[in-house]
Amino acid sequence: MKYDAEVKISLKKGMLNPEAATIQRALALLKYQVEETQTIKIIKFTMEGDGEELVRQKVDEMCQRLLCNPVIHNYEIGINPEE
């Protein structure tokens, strides 16, 4: 069965995020006041697997080994059967 996987990656609290800081400053210059800005990277792909839980485990392994750095990043995994 095929599954759609989505991984949302963000920096952990306390980590410097220059991209978010730049966005927040630019918004302030345009007279938009926002309290907190965060950037998130979203990676989507489709893969085959023998059940949602096994696919989730494989995607978690991908995150640990390649897609993010668990020391500085948080990540959320979404798995849905492909329609």
PDB file of N, CA and C in Angstrom:
ATOM      1  N   MET A   1       0.843  -1.180   0.000  1.00  0.00           N
ATOM      2  CA  MET A   1       0.000   0.000   0.000  1.00  0.00           C
ATOM      3  C   MET A   1       0.886   1.241   0.000  1.00  0.00           C
ATOM      4  N   LYS A   2       0.431   2.296  -0.661  1.00  0.00           N
ATOM      5  CA  LYS A   2       1.181   3.550  -0.701  1.00  0.00           C
ATOM      6  C   LYS A   2       0.667   4.511   0.371  1.00  0.00           C
ATOM      7  N   TYR A   3       1.598   5.278   0.919  1.00  0.00           N
ATOM      8  CA  TYR A   3       1.272   6.250   1.960  1.00  0.00           C
ATOM      9  C   TYR A   3       1.892   7.599   1.605  1.00  0.00           C
ATOM     10  N   ASP A   4       1.159   8.658   1.906  1.00  0.00           N
ATOM     11  CA  ASP A   4       1.687  10.019   1.805  1.00  0.00           C
ATOM     12  C   ASP A   4       2.283  10.370   3.161  1.00  0.00           C
ATOM     13  N   ALA A   5       3.532  10.802   3.151  1.00  0.00           N
ATOM     14  CA  ALA A   5       4.209  11.189   4.386  1.00  0.00           C
ATOM     15  C   ALA A   5       4.506  12.680   4.343  1.00  0.00           C
ATOM     16  N   GLU A   6       4.358  13.324   5.486  1.00  0.00           N
ATOM     17  CA  GLU A   6       4.678  14.744   5.616  1.00  0.00           C
ATOM     18  C   GLU A   6       5.477  14.927   6.897  1.00  0.00           C
ATOM     19  N   VAL A   7       6.625  15.563   6.774  1.00  0.00           N
ATOM     20  CA  VAL A   7       7.487  15.834   7.928  1.00  0.00           C
ATOM     21  C   VAL A   7       7.603  17.341   8.080  1.00  0.00           C
ATOM     22  N   LYS A   8       7.232  17.846   9.257  1.00  0.00           N
ATOM     23  CA  LYS A   8       7.377  19.274   9.564  1.00  0.00           C
ATOM     24  C   LYS A   8       8.572  19.418  10.511  1.00  0.00           C
ATOM     25  N   ILE A   9       9.541  20.209  10.096  1.00  0.00           N
ATOM     26  CA  ILE A   9      10.773  20.376  10.862  1.00  0.00           C
ATOM     27  C   ILE A   9      10.893  21.828  11.312  1.00  0.00           C
ATOM     28  N   SER A  10      11.137  22.022  12.606  1.00  0.00           N
ATOM     29  CA  SER A  10      11.325  23.364  13.143  1.00  0.00           C
ATOM     30  C   SER A  10      12.484  23.343  14.137  1.00  0.00           C
ATOM     31  N   LEU A  11      13.034  24.529  14.381  1.00  0.00           N
ATOM     32  CA  LEU A  11      14.111  24.632  15.369  1.00  0.00           C
ATOM     33  C   LEU A  11      13.537  24.523  16.781  1.00  0.00           C
ATOM     34  N   LYS A  12      14.290  23.912  17.661  1.00  0.00           N
ATOM     35  CA  LYS A  12      13.866  23.819  19.056  1.00  0.00           C
ATOM     36  C   LYS A  12      13.894  25.212  19.686  1.00  0.00           C
ATOM     37  N   LYS A  13      13.109  25.379  20.721  1.00  0.00           N
ATOM     38  CA  LYS A  13      13.045  26.644  21.445  1.00  0.00           C
ATOM     39  C   LYS A  13      14.438  26.989  21.974  1.00  0.00           C
ATOM     40  N   GLY A  14      14.823  28.226  21.798  1.00  0.00           N
ATOM     41  CA  GLY A  14      16.124  28.677  22.270  1.00  0.00           C
ATOM     42  C   GLY A  14      17.208  28.662  21.197  1.00  0.00           C
ATOM     43  N   MET A  15      16.932  28.023  20.072  1.00  0.00           N
ATOM     44  CA  MET A  15      17.905  27.994  18.977  1.00  0.00           C
ATOM     45  C   MET A  15      17.769  29.289  18.166  1.00  0.00           C
ATOM     46  N   LEU A  16      18.882  29.826  17.701  1.00  0.00           N
ATOM     47  CA  LEU A  16      18.843  31.030  16.882  1.00  0.00           C
ATOM     48  C   LEU A  16      18.189  30.717  15.544  1.00  0.00           C
ATOM     49  N   ASN A  17      17.288  31.614  15.115  1.00  0.00           N
ATOM     50  CA  ASN A  17      16.586  31.426  13.851  1.00  0.00           C
ATOM     51  C   ASN A  17      16.668  32.740  13.074  1.00  0.00           C
ATOM     52  N   PRO A  18      17.780  32.952  12.359  1.00  0.00           N
ATOM     53  CA  PRO A  18      17.952  34.234  11.655  1.00  0.00           C
ATOM     54  C   PRO A  18      16.890  34.491  10.600  1.00  0.00           C
ATOM     55  N   GLU A  19      16.405  33.457   9.960  1.00  0.00           N
ATOM     56  CA  GLU A  19      15.363  33.642   8.939  1.00  0.00           C
ATOM     57  C   GLU A  19      14.086  34.207   9.574  1.00  0.00           C
ATOM     58  N   ALA A  20      13.668  33.641  10.698  1.00  0.00           N
ATOM     59  CA  ALA A  20      12.467  34.124  11.379  1.00  0.00           C
ATOM     60  C   ALA A  20      12.666  35.543  11.902  1.00  0.00           C
ATOM     61  N   ALA A  21      13.867  35.836  12.403  1.00  0.00           N
ATOM     62  CA  ALA A  21      14.146  37.184  12.903  1.00  0.00           C
ATOM     63  C   ALA A  21      14.073  38.217  11.777  1.00  0.00           C
ATOM     64  N   THR A  22      14.583  37.862  10.611  1.00  0.00           N
ATOM     65  CA  THR A  22      14.532  38.762   9.453  1.00  0.00           C
ATOM     66  C   THR A  22      13.097  39.010   9.021  1.00  0.00           C
ATOM     67  N   ILE A  23      12.302  37.960   8.990  1.00  0.00           N
ATOM     68  CA  ILE A  23      10.881  38.102   8.629  1.00  0.00           C
ATOM     69  C   ILE A  23      10.169  39.006   9.624  1.00  0.00           C
ATOM     70  N   GLN A  24      10.422  38.798  10.908  1.00  0.00           N
ATOM     71  CA  GLN A  24       9.764  39.606  11.929  1.00  0.00           C
ATOM     72  C   GLN A  24      10.153  41.081  11.807  1.00  0.00           C
ATOM     73  N   ARG A  25      11.434  41.363  11.551  1.00  0.00           N
ATOM     74  CA  ARG A  25      11.871  42.762  11.372  1.00  0.00           C
ATOM     75  C   ARG A  25      11.228  43.378  10.138  1.00  0.00           C
ATOM     76  N   ALA A  26      11.166  42.632   9.051  1.00  0.00           N
ATOM     77  CA  ALA A  26      10.561  43.150   7.816  1.00  0.00           C
ATOM     78  C   ALA A  26       9.079  43.435   8.018  1.00  0.00           C
ATOM     79  N   LEU A  27       8.384  42.565   8.721  1.00  0.00           N
ATOM     80  CA  LEU A  27       6.966  42.806   9.003  1.00  0.00           C
ATOM     81  C   LEU A  27       6.782  44.067   9.847  1.00  0.00           C
ATOM     82  N   ALA A  28       7.679  44.265  10.813  1.00  0.00           N
ATOM     83  CA  ALA A  28       7.596  45.472  11.652  1.00  0.00           C
ATOM     84  C   ALA A  28       7.807  46.728  10.800  1.00  0.00           C
ATOM     85  N   LEU A  29       8.727  46.678   9.849  1.00  0.00           N
ATOM     86  CA  LEU A  29       8.943  47.826   8.958  1.00  0.00           C
ATOM     87  C   LEU A  29       7.716  48.125   8.111  1.00  0.00           C
ATOM     88  N   LEU A  30       6.933  47.089   7.831  1.00  0.00           N
ATOM     89  CA  LEU A  30       5.690  47.265   7.068  1.00  0.00           C
ATOM     90  C   LEU A  30       4.496  47.563   7.978  1.00  0.00           C
ATOM     91  N   LYS A  31       4.787  47.829   9.258  1.00  0.00           N
ATOM     92  CA  LYS A  31       3.778  48.208  10.256  1.00  0.00           C
ATOM     93  C   LYS A  31       2.872  47.042  10.684  1.00  0.00           C
ATOM     94  N   TYR A  32       3.376  45.819  10.556  1.00  0.00           N
ATOM     95  CA  TYR A  32       2.660  44.646  11.086  1.00  0.00           C
ATOM     96  C   TYR A  32       3.377  44.206  12.347  1.00  0.00           C
ATOM     97  N   GLN A  33       2.642  44.138  13.425  1.00  0.00           N
ATOM     98  CA  GLN A  33       3.232  43.729  14.696  1.00  0.00           C
ATOM     99  C   GLN A  33       2.890  42.262  14.972  1.00  0.00           C
ATOM    100  N   VAL A  34       3.897  41.438  15.019  1.00  0.00           N
ATOM    101  CA  VAL A  34       3.712  40.026  15.360  1.00  0.00           C
ATOM    102  C   VAL A  34       4.557  39.732  16.589  1.00  0.00           C
ATOM    103  N   GLU A  35       4.046  38.876  17.439  1.00  0.00           N
ATOM    104  CA  GLU A  35       4.740  38.597  18.697  1.00  0.00           C
ATOM    105  C   GLU A  35       5.873  37.598  18.539  1.00  0.00           C
ATOM    106  N   GLU A  36       5.637  36.568  17.736  1.00  0.00           N
ATOM    107  CA  GLU A  36       6.659  35.539  17.580  1.00  0.00           C
ATOM    108  C   GLU A  36       6.607  35.014  16.152  1.00  0.00           C
ATOM    109  N   THR A  37       7.772  34.812  15.574  1.00  0.00           N
ATOM    110  CA  THR A  37       7.854  34.278  14.221  1.00  0.00           C
ATOM    111  C   THR A  37       8.662  32.995  14.265  1.00  0.00           C
ATOM    112  N   GLN A  38       8.167  31.994  13.564  1.00  0.00           N
ATOM    113  CA  GLN A  38       8.860  30.714  13.495  1.00  0.00           C
ATOM    114  C   GLN A  38       8.829  30.233  12.049  1.00  0.00           C
ATOM    115  N   THR A  39       9.905  29.649  11.597  1.00  0.00           N
ATOM    116  CA  THR A  39       9.915  29.071  10.260  1.00  0.00           C
ATOM    117  C   THR A  39       9.871  27.548  10.388  1.00  0.00           C
ATOM    118  N   ILE A  40       9.180  26.921   9.460  1.00  0.00           N
ATOM    119  CA  ILE A  40       9.026  25.468   9.462  1.00  0.00           C
ATOM    120  C   ILE A  40       9.318  24.960   8.055  1.00  0.00           C
ATOM    121  N   LYS A  41      10.098  23.916   7.973  1.00  0.00           N
ATOM    122  CA  LYS A  41      10.356  23.254   6.691  1.00  0.00           C
ATOM    123  C   LYS A  41       9.410  22.056   6.609  1.00  0.00           C
ATOM    124  N   ILE A  42       8.730  21.900   5.475  1.00  0.00           N
ATOM    125  CA  ILE A  42       7.823  20.772   5.273  1.00  0.00           C
ATOM    126  C   ILE A  42       8.361  19.934   4.116  1.00  0.00           C
ATOM    127  N   ILE A  43       8.534  18.652   4.379  1.00  0.00           N
ATOM    128  CA  ILE A  43       8.991  17.709   3.363  1.00  0.00           C
ATOM    129  C   ILE A  43       7.877  16.696   3.154  1.00  0.00           C
ATOM    130  N   LYS A  44       7.451  16.530   1.895  1.00  0.00           N
ATOM    131  CA  LYS A  44       6.378  15.586   1.565  1.00  0.00           C
ATOM    132  C   LYS A  44       6.903  14.564   0.571  1.00  0.00           C
ATOM    133  N   PHE A  45       6.490  13.319   0.755  1.00  0.00           N
ATOM    134  CA  PHE A  45       6.832  12.275  -0.196  1.00  0.00           C
ATOM    135  C   PHE A  45       5.850  11.123  -0.056  1.00  0.00           C
ATOM    136  N   THR A  46       5.866  10.219  -1.046  1.00  0.00           N
ATOM    137  CA  THR A  46       5.016   9.037  -1.049  1.00  0.00           C
ATOM    138  C   THR A  46       5.916   7.814  -0.986  1.00  0.00           C
ATOM    139  N   MET A  47       5.519   6.840  -0.182  1.00  0.00           N
ATOM    140  CA  MET A  47       6.305   5.612  -0.098  1.00  0.00           C
ATOM    141  C   MET A  47       5.400   4.412   0.121  1.00  0.00           C
ATOM    142  N   GLU A  48       5.903   3.259  -0.222  1.00  0.00           N
ATOM    143  CA  GLU A  48       5.150   2.031  -0.020  1.00  0.00           C
ATOM    144  C   GLU A  48       5.536   1.421   1.318  1.00  0.00           C
ATOM    145  N   GLY A  49       4.582   0.697   1.916  1.00  0.00           N
ATOM    146  CA  GLY A  49       4.858   0.050   3.180  1.00  0.00           C
ATOM    147  C   GLY A  49       3.760  -0.910   3.567  1.00  0.00           C
ATOM    148  N   ASP A  50       4.068  -1.725   4.546  1.00  0.00           N
ATOM    149  CA  ASP A  50       3.135  -2.733   5.049  1.00  0.00           C
ATOM    150  C   ASP A  50       2.464  -2.245   6.332  1.00  0.00           C
ATOM    151  N   GLY A  51       1.767  -1.148   6.245  1.00  0.00           N
ATOM    152  CA  GLY A  51       1.046  -0.626   7.401  1.00  0.00           C
ATOM    153  C   GLY A  51       1.556   0.730   7.823  1.00  0.00           C
ATOM    154  N   GLU A  52       0.637   1.505   8.350  1.00  0.00           N
ATOM    155  CA  GLU A  52       0.946   2.886   8.724  1.00  0.00           C
ATOM    156  C   GLU A  52       2.041   2.980   9.778  1.00  0.00           C
ATOM    157  N   GLU A  53       2.009   2.107  10.766  1.00  0.00           N
ATOM    158  CA  GLU A  53       2.993   2.180  11.853  1.00  0.00           C
ATOM    159  C   GLU A  53       4.405   1.863  11.349  1.00  0.00           C
ATOM    160  N   LEU A  54       4.533   0.884  10.451  1.00  0.00           N
ATOM    161  CA  LEU A  54       5.853   0.572   9.887  1.00  0.00           C
ATOM    162  C   LEU A  54       6.378   1.720   9.033  1.00  0.00           C
ATOM    163  N   VAL A  55       5.487   2.357   8.278  1.00  0.00           N
ATOM    164  CA  VAL A  55       5.894   3.511   7.477  1.00  0.00           C
ATOM    165  C   VAL A  55       6.334   4.640   8.396  1.00  0.00           C
ATOM    166  N   ARG A  56       5.591   4.878   9.478  1.00  0.00           N
ATOM    167  CA  ARG A  56       5.949   5.932  10.441  1.00  0.00           C
ATOM    168  C   ARG A  56       7.339   5.656  11.025  1.00  0.00           C
ATOM    169  N   GLN A  57       7.629   4.406  11.347  1.00  0.00           N
ATOM    170  CA  GLN A  57       8.940   4.058  11.900  1.00  0.00           C
ATOM    171  C   GLN A  57      10.053   4.333  10.894  1.00  0.00           C
ATOM    172  N   LYS A  58       9.805   4.004   9.626  1.00  0.00           N
ATOM    173  CA  LYS A  58      10.809   4.262   8.587  1.00  0.00           C
ATOM    174  C   LYS A  58      11.029   5.760   8.405  1.00  0.00           C
ATOM    175  N   VAL A  59       9.954   6.533   8.417  1.00  0.00           N
ATOM    176  CA  VAL A  59      10.088   7.987   8.258  1.00  0.00           C
ATOM    177  C   VAL A  59      10.821   8.575   9.461  1.00  0.00           C
ATOM    178  N   ASP A  60      10.538   8.069  10.653  1.00  0.00           N
ATOM    179  CA  ASP A  60      11.248   8.534  11.852  1.00  0.00           C
ATOM    180  C   ASP A  60      12.744   8.241  11.718  1.00  0.00           C
ATOM    181  N   GLU A  61      13.069   7.080  11.204  1.00  0.00           N
ATOM    182  CA  GLU A  61      14.477   6.737  10.985  1.00  0.00           C
ATOM    183  C   GLU A  61      15.110   7.687   9.965  1.00  0.00           C
ATOM    184  N   MET A  62      14.357   8.015   8.899  1.00  0.00           N
ATOM    185  CA  MET A  62      14.853   8.973   7.907  1.00  0.00           C
ATOM    186  C   MET A  62      15.152  10.318   8.564  1.00  0.00           C
ATOM    187  N   CYS A  63      14.264  10.745   9.451  1.00  0.00           N
ATOM    188  CA  CYS A  63      14.454  12.027  10.144  1.00  0.00           C
ATOM    189  C   CYS A  63      15.713  11.986  11.002  1.00  0.00           C
ATOM    190  N   GLN A  64      15.883  10.901  11.744  1.00  0.00           N
ATOM    191  CA  GLN A  64      17.034  10.770  12.641  1.00  0.00           C
ATOM    192  C   GLN A  64      18.357  10.721  11.872  1.00  0.00           C
ATOM    193  N   ARG A  65      18.334  10.093  10.691  1.00  0.00           N
ATOM    194  CA  ARG A  65      19.573   9.862   9.953  1.00  0.00           C
ATOM    195  C   ARG A  65      19.905  10.943   8.934  1.00  0.00           C
ATOM    196  N   LEU A  66      18.872  11.632   8.375  1.00  0.00           N
ATOM    197  CA  LEU A  66      19.163  12.540   7.273  1.00  0.00           C
ATOM    198  C   LEU A  66      18.376  13.842   7.284  1.00  0.00           C
ATOM    199  N   LEU A  67      17.075  13.770   7.473  1.00  0.00           N
ATOM    200  CA  LEU A  67      16.222  14.935   7.227  1.00  0.00           C
ATOM    201  C   LEU A  67      16.379  16.053   8.246  1.00  0.00           C
ATOM    202  N   CYS A  68      16.764  15.728   9.462  1.00  0.00           N
ATOM    203  CA  CYS A  68      16.935  16.789  10.460  1.00  0.00           C
ATOM    204  C   CYS A  68      18.014  16.398  11.459  1.00  0.00           C
ATOM    205  N   ASN A  69      18.374  17.361  12.282  1.00  0.00           N
ATOM    206  CA  ASN A  69      19.333  17.139  13.355  1.00  0.00           C
ATOM    207  C   ASN A  69      18.547  17.129  14.663  1.00  0.00           C
ATOM    208  N   PRO A  70      18.329  15.954  15.266  1.00  0.00           N
ATOM    209  CA  PRO A  70      17.509  15.873  16.483  1.00  0.00           C
ATOM    210  C   PRO A  70      18.034  16.701  17.657  1.00  0.00           C
ATOM    211  N   VAL A  71      19.283  17.135  17.598  1.00  0.00           N
ATOM    212  CA  VAL A  71      19.835  17.959  18.668  1.00  0.00           C
ATOM    213  C   VAL A  71      19.236  19.367  18.625  1.00  0.00           C
ATOM    214  N   ILE A  72      18.999  19.901  17.418  1.00  0.00           N
ATOM    215  CA  ILE A  72      18.510  21.281  17.310  1.00  0.00           C
ATOM    216  C   ILE A  72      17.112  21.391  16.718  1.00  0.00           C
ATOM    217  N   HIS A  73      16.578  20.298  16.166  1.00  0.00           N
ATOM    218  CA  HIS A  73      15.272  20.344  15.509  1.00  0.00           C
ATOM    219  C   HIS A  73      14.216  19.512  16.234  1.00  0.00           C
ATOM    220  N   ASN A  74      12.997  19.992  16.177  1.00  0.00           N
ATOM    221  CA  ASN A  74      11.815  19.197  16.495  1.00  0.00           C
ATOM    222  C   ASN A  74      11.208  18.793  15.165  1.00  0.00           C
ATOM    223  N   TYR A  75      10.523  17.656  15.147  1.00  0.00           N
ATOM    224  CA  TYR A  75       9.843  17.280  13.920  1.00  0.00           C
ATOM    225  C   TYR A  75       8.559  16.530  14.240  1.00  0.00           C
ATOM    226  N   GLU A  76       7.594  16.701  13.338  1.00  0.00           N
ATOM    227  CA  GLU A  76       6.305  16.012  13.429  1.00  0.00           C
ATOM    228  C   GLU A  76       6.121  15.214  12.153  1.00  0.00           C
ATOM    229  N   ILE A  77       5.618  14.006  12.312  1.00  0.00           N
ATOM    230  CA  ILE A  77       5.416  13.126  11.166  1.00  0.00           C
ATOM    231  C   ILE A  77       3.910  12.907  10.985  1.00  0.00           C
ATOM    232  N   GLY A  78       3.449  13.084   9.755  1.00  0.00           N
ATOM    233  CA  GLY A  78       2.064  12.773   9.402  1.00  0.00           C
ATOM    234  C   GLY A  78       2.070  11.703   8.331  1.00  0.00           C
ATOM    235  N   ILE A  79       1.282  10.643   8.529  1.00  0.00           N
ATOM    236  CA  ILE A  79       1.197   9.536   7.577  1.00  0.00           C
ATOM    237  C   ILE A  79      -0.277   9.341   7.222  1.00  0.00           C
ATOM    238  N   ASN A  80      -0.583   9.299   5.920  1.00  0.00           N
ATOM    239  CA  ASN A  80      -1.945   9.055   5.456  1.00  0.00           C
ATOM    240  C   ASN A  80      -1.914   8.087   4.288  1.00  0.00           C
ATOM    241  N   PRO A  81      -2.843   7.121   4.262  1.00  0.00           N
ATOM    242  CA  PRO A  81      -2.920   6.236   3.099  1.00  0.00           C
ATOM    243  C   PRO A  81      -3.222   7.045   1.849  1.00  0.00           C
ATOM    244  N   GLU A  82      -2.545   6.716   0.753  1.00  0.00           N
ATOM    245  CA  GLU A  82      -2.779   7.420  -0.495  1.00  0.00           C
ATOM    246  C   GLU A  82      -4.122   7.004  -1.071  1.00  0.00           C
ATOM    247  N   GLU A  83      -4.852   7.965  -1.581  1.00  0.00           N
ATOM    248  CA  GLU A  83      -6.187   7.679  -2.144  1.00  0.00           C
ATOM    249  C   GLU A  83      -6.119   7.417  -3.615  1.00  0.00           C
TER     250      GLU A  83
END
